[in-house]
Amino acid sequence: MGGHCCLSVRVGQTLAGCHYDGLDVESWVRQNLVDLIVMDTRATDPDVFGFRRLVAGSHVRFIRALTVIIPRTDMHSRPSSFSGVWRRSGGSKASTAS
């Protein structure tokens, strides 16, 4: 029944963000607790190089997740993927907070 079980973890965009969330990713890599680190990619400037440096020389692999956000097609609802939209007249920003 023994054998190797691969473990992947999905983490935030930066190591500092992981620390803020209470995730000690460095210890996981150092202690060989994970096999794959998957980075969430909803941020505009993810720390790809920081994670690559972290896993360099270890068996742990690192990849970025592909997050696809599809807006709603219902004409009466707001798109769920946007934090704001521009009104057609006047150019002022309208809130789309849910």
C-alpha atoms as a PDB file:
ATOM      1  CA  MET A   1       0.000   0.000   0.000  1.00  0.00           C
ATOM      2  CA  GLY A   2       2.982   2.289   0.407  1.00  0.00           C
ATOM      3  CA  GLY A   3       4.203   4.473  -2.369  1.00  0.00           C
ATOM      4  CA  HIS A   4       4.644   8.066  -3.307  1.00  0.00           C
ATOM      5  CA  CYS A   5       1.684  10.401  -3.309  1.00  0.00           C
ATOM      6  CA  CYS A   6       2.192  13.673  -5.198  1.00  0.00           C
ATOM      7  CA  LEU A   7       0.957  16.749  -3.395  1.00  0.00           C
ATOM      8  CA  SER A   8       0.266  20.043  -5.117  1.00  0.00           C
ATOM      9  CA  VAL A   9      -0.614  23.306  -3.416  1.00  0.00           C
ATOM     10  CA  ARG A  10      -2.176  26.439  -4.843  1.00  0.00           C
ATOM     11  CA  VAL A  11      -0.714  29.610  -3.391  1.00  0.00           C
ATOM     12  CA  GLY A  12      -0.991  33.361  -3.840  1.00  0.00           C
ATOM     13  CA  GLN A  13       0.991  35.574  -6.181  1.00  0.00           C
ATOM     14  CA  THR A  14       3.914  36.451  -3.875  1.00  0.00           C
ATOM     15  CA  LEU A  15       5.877  34.817  -1.094  1.00  0.00           C
ATOM     16  CA  ALA A  16       5.118  37.835   1.098  1.00  0.00           C
ATOM     17  CA  GLY A  17       1.408  37.300   0.427  1.00  0.00           C
ATOM     18  CA  CYS A  18       1.764  33.641   1.381  1.00  0.00           C
ATOM     19  CA  HIS A  19       3.419  34.664   4.661  1.00  0.00           C
ATOM     20  CA  TYR A  20       0.587  37.117   5.321  1.00  0.00           C
ATOM     21  CA  ASP A  21      -1.891  34.268   4.800  1.00  0.00           C
ATOM     22  CA  GLY A  22       0.066  32.022   7.179  1.00  0.00           C
ATOM     23  CA  LEU A  23       1.548  29.768   4.485  1.00  0.00           C
ATOM     24  CA  ASP A  24       5.210  28.829   5.063  1.00  0.00           C
ATOM     25  CA  VAL A  25       5.984  27.777   1.511  1.00  0.00           C
ATOM     26  CA  GLU A  26       9.758  27.854   2.093  1.00  0.00           C
ATOM     27  CA  SER A  27       9.473  25.226   4.845  1.00  0.00           C
ATOM     28  CA  TRP A  28       7.296  23.034   2.622  1.00  0.00           C
ATOM     29  CA  VAL A  29       9.996  23.048  -0.060  1.00  0.00           C
ATOM     30  CA  ARG A  30      12.892  22.627   2.379  1.00  0.00           C
ATOM     31  CA  GLN A  31      11.207  19.670   4.106  1.00  0.00           C
ATOM     32  CA  ASN A  32      10.081  18.045   0.824  1.00  0.00           C
ATOM     33  CA  LEU A  33       6.424  18.232   1.865  1.00  0.00           C
ATOM     34  CA  VAL A  34       5.093  19.271  -1.557  1.00  0.00           C
ATOM     35  CA  ASP A  35       5.771  18.225  -5.139  1.00  0.00           C
ATOM     36  CA  LEU A  36       4.125  21.025  -7.097  1.00  0.00           C
ATOM     37  CA  ILE A  37       3.445  24.682  -6.310  1.00  0.00           C
ATOM     38  CA  VAL A  38       0.709  26.270  -8.397  1.00  0.00           C
ATOM     39  CA  MET A  39       0.568  30.060  -8.337  1.00  0.00           C
ATOM     40  CA  ASP A  40      -2.730  31.894  -8.654  1.00  0.00           C
ATOM     41  CA  THR A  41      -2.444  34.364 -11.539  1.00  0.00           C
ATOM     42  CA  ARG A  42      -5.109  36.951 -10.930  1.00  0.00           C
ATOM     43  CA  ALA A  43      -2.481  39.568 -10.026  1.00  0.00           C
ATOM     44  CA  THR A  44      -0.808  41.968 -12.419  1.00  0.00           C
ATOM     45  CA  ASP A  45       2.731  41.475 -11.045  1.00  0.00           C
ATOM     46  CA  PRO A  46       3.151  37.977  -9.579  1.00  0.00           C
ATOM     47  CA  ASP A  47       6.520  37.050  -8.037  1.00  0.00           C
ATOM     48  CA  VAL A  48       7.376  34.325 -10.551  1.00  0.00           C
ATOM     49  CA  PHE A  49      11.118  34.728 -10.076  1.00  0.00           C
ATOM     50  CA  GLY A  50      10.832  34.480  -6.281  1.00  0.00           C
ATOM     51  CA  PHE A  51       9.024  31.153  -6.532  1.00  0.00           C
ATOM     52  CA  ARG A  52      11.455  29.877  -9.186  1.00  0.00           C
ATOM     53  CA  ARG A  53      14.401  30.754  -6.927  1.00  0.00           C
ATOM     54  CA  LEU A  54      12.668  28.980  -4.050  1.00  0.00           C
ATOM     55  CA  VAL A  55      12.271  25.664  -5.899  1.00  0.00           C
ATOM     56  CA  ALA A  56      15.639  25.785  -7.706  1.00  0.00           C
ATOM     57  CA  GLY A  57      17.711  22.734  -6.811  1.00  0.00           C
ATOM     58  CA  SER A  58      14.769  20.871  -5.263  1.00  0.00           C
ATOM     59  CA  HIS A  59      12.432  18.238  -6.653  1.00  0.00           C
ATOM     60  CA  VAL A  60       9.518  20.679  -6.355  1.00  0.00           C
ATOM     61  CA  ARG A  61       8.049  21.989  -9.594  1.00  0.00           C
ATOM     62  CA  PHE A  62       6.454  25.403  -9.993  1.00  0.00           C
ATOM     63  CA  ILE A  63       3.759  26.477 -12.441  1.00  0.00           C
ATOM     64  CA  ARG A  64       1.392  29.393 -12.868  1.00  0.00           C
ATOM     65  CA  ALA A  65      -2.298  28.592 -12.985  1.00  0.00           C
ATOM     66  CA  LEU A  66      -4.424  29.805 -15.823  1.00  0.00           C
ATOM     67  CA  THR A  67      -7.379  31.614 -14.314  1.00  0.00           C
ATOM     68  CA  VAL A  68     -10.108  32.305 -16.822  1.00  0.00           C
ATOM     69  CA  ILE A  69     -12.860  34.668 -15.836  1.00  0.00           C
ATOM     70  CA  ILE A  70     -15.901  34.641 -18.083  1.00  0.00           C
ATOM     71  CA  PRO A  71     -18.265  37.611 -17.784  1.00  0.00           C
ATOM     72  CA  ARG A  72     -21.955  36.902 -17.432  1.00  0.00           C
ATOM     73  CA  THR A  73     -23.936  37.110 -20.632  1.00  0.00           C
ATOM     74  CA  ASP A  74     -27.142  38.277 -18.968  1.00  0.00           C
ATOM     75  CA  MET A  75     -27.684  41.833 -20.199  1.00  0.00           C
ATOM     76  CA  HIS A  76     -29.234  42.917 -16.880  1.00  0.00           C
ATOM     77  CA  SER A  77     -26.337  41.841 -14.665  1.00  0.00           C
ATOM     78  CA  ARG A  78     -22.880  43.251 -14.258  1.00  0.00           C
ATOM     79  CA  PRO A  79     -19.803  41.325 -15.408  1.00  0.00           C
ATOM     80  CA  SER A  80     -18.374  39.487 -12.408  1.00  0.00           C
ATOM     81  CA  SER A  81     -14.772  39.802 -13.606  1.00  0.00           C
ATOM     82  CA  PHE A  82     -14.453  43.582 -13.439  1.00  0.00           C
ATOM     83  CA  SER A  83     -13.966  45.861 -10.451  1.00  0.00           C
ATOM     84  CA  GLY A  84     -15.301  48.861 -12.321  1.00  0.00           C
ATOM     85  CA  VAL A  85     -16.760  49.874 -15.652  1.00  0.00           C
ATOM     86  CA  TRP A  86     -16.843  53.153 -17.522  1.00  0.00           C
ATOM     87  CA  ARG A  87     -20.191  54.723 -18.250  1.00  0.00           C
ATOM     88  CA  ARG A  88     -20.724  55.533 -21.908  1.00  0.00           C
ATOM     89  CA  SER A  89     -21.633  59.140 -21.248  1.00  0.00           C
ATOM     90  CA  GLY A  90     -19.304  61.344 -19.268  1.00  0.00           C
ATOM     91  CA  GLY A  91     -16.491  58.826 -18.734  1.00  0.00           C
ATOM     92  CA  SER A  92     -16.936  58.573 -14.963  1.00  0.00           C
ATOM     93  CA  LYS A  93     -16.266  55.274 -13.265  1.00  0.00           C
ATOM     94  CA  ALA A  94     -19.265  53.336 -11.994  1.00  0.00           C
ATOM     95  CA  SER A  95     -18.853  50.808  -9.223  1.00  0.00           C
ATOM     96  CA  THR A  96     -19.663  47.154  -9.863  1.00  0.00           C
ATOM     97  CA  ALA A  97     -19.142  45.896  -6.337  1.00  0.00           C
ATOM     98  CA  SER A  98     -21.285  42.869  -5.661  1.00  0.00           C
END
